[in-house]
Protein backbone atom coordinates (compact mmCIF):
# COMPACT_ATOMS: atom_id res chain seq x y z
CA UNK A 1 -59.87 17.46 -29.73
CA UNK A 2 -60.05 17.41 -33.52
CA UNK A 3 -59.34 20.77 -35.12
CA UNK A 4 -61.38 21.50 -38.18
CA UNK A 5 -60.84 24.40 -40.53
CA UNK A 6 -64.13 23.98 -42.40
CA UNK A 7 -66.45 24.21 -39.41
CA UNK A 8 -64.62 25.87 -36.52
CA UNK A 9 -66.20 25.50 -33.13
CA UNK A 10 -63.86 27.77 -31.17
CA UNK A 11 -61.02 30.23 -31.64
CA UNK A 12 -58.36 27.50 -31.77
CA UNK A 13 -60.01 26.14 -34.92
CA UNK A 14 -60.20 29.45 -36.85
CA UNK A 15 -57.77 29.64 -39.78
CA UNK A 16 -56.76 33.23 -39.05
CA UNK A 17 -56.06 32.46 -35.40
CA UNK A 18 -53.95 29.42 -36.30
CA UNK A 19 -52.02 31.46 -38.86
CA UNK A 20 -51.56 34.23 -36.30
CA UNK A 21 -50.16 31.72 -33.80
CA UNK A 22 -47.76 30.37 -36.42
CA UNK A 23 -46.74 33.91 -37.35
CA UNK A 24 -46.14 34.83 -33.71
CA UNK A 25 -44.17 31.71 -32.82
CA UNK A 26 -42.13 31.46 -36.02
CA UNK A 27 -41.65 35.23 -36.13
CA UNK A 28 -40.25 35.50 -32.60
CA UNK A 29 -36.67 34.57 -33.60
CA UNK A 30 -36.90 36.97 -36.55
CA UNK A 31 -38.11 39.73 -34.26
CA UNK A 32 -35.28 39.12 -31.79
CA UNK A 33 -32.79 39.23 -34.67
CA UNK A 34 -34.27 42.42 -36.12
CA UNK A 35 -34.68 44.34 -32.90
CA UNK A 36 -31.87 42.87 -30.83
CA UNK A 37 -29.06 42.74 -33.34
CA UNK A 38 -30.04 45.32 -35.94
CA UNK A 39 -32.30 47.79 -34.12
CA UNK A 40 -35.13 47.73 -36.63
CA UNK A 41 -38.76 46.75 -36.24
CA UNK A 42 -40.64 44.08 -38.16
CA UNK A 43 -42.51 46.83 -40.04
CA UNK A 44 -39.24 48.53 -40.99
CA UNK A 45 -37.85 45.18 -42.17
CA UNK A 46 -40.92 44.57 -44.31
CA UNK A 47 -40.58 47.96 -45.99
CA UNK A 48 -36.82 47.56 -46.38
CA UNK A 49 -37.27 44.12 -47.99
CA UNK A 50 -39.97 45.40 -50.35
CA UNK A 51 -37.78 48.29 -51.45
CA UNK A 52 -34.91 45.84 -52.02
CA UNK A 53 -37.20 43.62 -54.10
CA UNK A 54 -39.07 46.28 -56.10
CA UNK A 55 -36.69 49.24 -56.11
CA UNK A 56 -37.93 52.79 -55.74
CA UNK A 57 -41.62 53.00 -54.75
CA UNK A 58 -44.17 55.70 -54.04
CA UNK A 59 -45.45 55.96 -50.46
CA UNK A 60 -48.81 54.59 -51.63
CA UNK A 61 -47.12 51.59 -53.23
CA UNK A 62 -45.10 50.98 -50.07
CA UNK A 63 -48.31 50.92 -48.03
CA UNK A 64 -50.07 48.64 -50.51
CA UNK A 65 -47.16 46.22 -50.96
CA UNK A 66 -46.51 46.07 -47.19
CA UNK A 67 -50.22 45.59 -46.40
CA UNK A 68 -50.13 48.60 -44.08
CA UNK A 69 -52.39 51.59 -43.80
CA UNK A 70 -50.84 54.85 -44.99
CA UNK A 71 -50.00 56.26 -41.52
CA UNK A 72 -48.19 53.07 -40.42
CA UNK A 73 -46.33 52.87 -43.72
CA UNK A 74 -45.36 56.53 -43.43
CA UNK A 75 -44.03 55.99 -39.90
CA UNK A 76 -42.08 52.93 -41.02
CA UNK A 77 -40.57 54.82 -43.94
CA UNK A 78 -39.70 57.76 -41.69
CA UNK A 79 -37.93 55.45 -39.25
CA UNK A 80 -35.86 54.02 -42.11
CA UNK A 81 -35.08 57.55 -43.31
CA UNK A 82 -34.07 58.57 -39.77
CA UNK A 83 -31.76 55.54 -39.60
CA UNK A 84 -30.34 56.48 -43.02
CA UNK A 85 -31.48 53.19 -44.51
CA UNK A 86 -33.93 54.79 -46.96
CA UNK A 87 -34.24 58.08 -48.78
CA UNK A 88 -37.47 59.93 -49.44
CA UNK A 89 -37.31 62.35 -52.36
CA UNK A 90 -39.99 64.58 -53.86
CA UNK A 91 -40.65 64.45 -57.56
CA UNK A 92 -39.54 67.48 -59.50
CA UNK A 93 -42.40 69.86 -60.12
CA UNK A 94 -44.70 68.21 -57.56
CA UNK A 95 -43.50 68.32 -53.95
CA UNK A 96 -46.61 66.37 -52.85
CA UNK A 97 -45.46 63.25 -54.69
CA UNK A 98 -42.50 61.32 -53.38
CA UNK A 99 -40.41 58.26 -54.07
CA UNK A 100 -38.81 56.00 -51.48
CA UNK A 101 -35.55 54.16 -52.19
CA UNK A 102 -32.93 52.32 -50.17
CA UNK A 103 -29.65 54.00 -49.40
CA UNK A 104 -26.40 52.05 -49.82
CA UNK A 105 -26.59 51.32 -46.06
CA UNK A 106 -30.13 49.99 -46.50
CA UNK A 107 -29.04 47.74 -49.37
CA UNK A 108 -26.11 46.48 -47.29
CA UNK A 109 -28.37 45.75 -44.31
CA UNK A 110 -30.80 43.86 -46.54
CA UNK A 111 -27.97 41.81 -48.07
CA UNK A 112 -26.78 40.88 -44.58
CA UNK A 113 -30.19 40.25 -43.03
CA UNK A 114 -32.10 38.41 -45.75
CA UNK A 115 -29.98 35.22 -45.69
CA UNK A 116 -30.41 35.00 -41.91
CA UNK A 117 -34.18 35.41 -42.10
CA UNK A 118 -34.36 32.97 -45.03
CA UNK A 119 -32.44 30.43 -42.91
CA UNK A 120 -34.97 30.82 -40.07
CA UNK A 121 -37.76 30.36 -42.62
CA UNK A 122 -36.06 27.24 -43.99
CA UNK A 123 -35.73 25.85 -40.48
CA UNK A 124 -39.47 26.20 -39.84
CA UNK A 125 -40.39 24.70 -43.23
CA UNK A 126 -37.85 21.87 -42.84
CA UNK A 127 -40.37 19.84 -40.87
CA UNK A 128 -42.39 19.38 -44.08
CA UNK A 129 -41.46 17.05 -46.94
CA UNK A 130 -41.44 18.39 -50.51
CA UNK A 131 -45.00 17.26 -51.23
CA UNK A 132 -46.32 19.08 -48.15
CA UNK A 133 -44.34 22.23 -49.02
CA UNK A 134 -45.88 22.20 -52.51
CA UNK A 135 -49.34 21.58 -51.05
CA UNK A 136 -48.88 24.36 -48.50
CA UNK A 137 -47.70 26.76 -51.20
CA UNK A 138 -50.74 25.97 -53.35
CA UNK A 139 -53.08 26.18 -50.35
CA UNK A 140 -51.70 29.57 -49.32
CA UNK A 141 -52.07 30.84 -52.88
CA UNK A 142 -55.70 29.71 -53.11
CA UNK A 143 -56.57 30.96 -49.63
CA UNK A 144 -55.04 34.36 -50.40
CA UNK A 145 -56.98 34.63 -53.68
CA UNK A 146 -60.24 33.69 -51.92
CA UNK A 147 -59.55 36.12 -49.07
CA UNK A 148 -58.92 38.91 -51.61
CA UNK A 149 -62.27 38.15 -53.30
CA UNK A 150 -64.02 38.08 -49.93
CA UNK A 151 -62.37 41.36 -48.94
CA UNK A 152 -63.69 43.03 -52.11
CA UNK A 153 -67.19 41.73 -51.39
CA UNK A 154 -67.13 43.00 -47.82
CA UNK A 155 -65.74 46.37 -48.95
CA UNK A 156 -68.72 46.75 -51.28
CA UNK A 157 -71.21 45.76 -48.58
CA UNK A 158 -69.75 47.51 -45.54
CA UNK A 159 -68.28 50.95 -45.96
CA UNK A 160 -66.52 52.53 -43.00
CA UNK A 161 -67.14 56.24 -42.49
CA UNK A 162 -63.53 57.36 -42.01
CA UNK A 163 -64.58 60.97 -41.48
CA UNK A 164 -66.58 59.93 -38.43
CA UNK A 165 -63.66 58.01 -36.94
CA UNK A 166 -63.49 54.43 -35.77
CA UNK A 167 -65.79 55.00 -32.80
CA UNK A 168 -68.66 56.01 -35.11
CA UNK A 169 -69.05 52.48 -36.44
CA UNK A 170 -72.25 50.84 -35.29
CA UNK A 171 -71.98 48.29 -32.52
CA UNK A 172 -73.16 44.88 -33.67
CA UNK A 173 -72.59 42.79 -30.56
CA UNK A 174 -75.37 41.87 -28.14
CA UNK A 175 -76.04 44.59 -25.60
CA UNK A 176 -76.93 43.88 -21.98
CA UNK A 177 -80.30 45.02 -20.77
CA UNK A 178 -79.96 48.01 -18.47
C-alpha cells in the first residue's frame, strides 16, 4: 500500500489523521509523565508552558495561543489556579477583565518539566537526519500557513449559529430512505 498525501484514498492517507496518530503515539509518554508524575493534564501543561513563554496573558489570549475554545481554556486555567500553579487577577477598575500569570510554583514546575518533555521530543525527532528535520520544519510551517488561510476561507463561507447550539447545524451526510 502506497500512502499518498496529495490524493488520499482512505483515512490512513489523510494528513490530519496521520498527524493525529503521530500526536497520539509520541504524546503518550508525555501524557504519562504529566498525569502520572505531576498530576496535570495535557491542556494544563499547554497553558502552563504558554504562560511561561509569554508571561501574563488575558484569558482570551490564553485560549487563542493554546488553540482552545474559551470554555476549555477557562477550565484549564481554573485547574492551574486550584493547584496553585497560576494566579488569575482582575484588572483594577474592570472586574470583567482578568490576567493570568504563573505562580512561583508554576514557574518551578515548568522549569522541571520542560527539559523532560524536550528530551522526549528530541528522542522522537532523533530518527531524522538534519536535512529531514529542516525539511519537516519548513513543511510544517507551510502546511500551517495554508491551513490558516483555508480556515479563514471556510469561516467566511460557513458560519455556525452558536445561539442555536451545535445540534442546529444542518446535516450534510446522505440520509437513508425511510
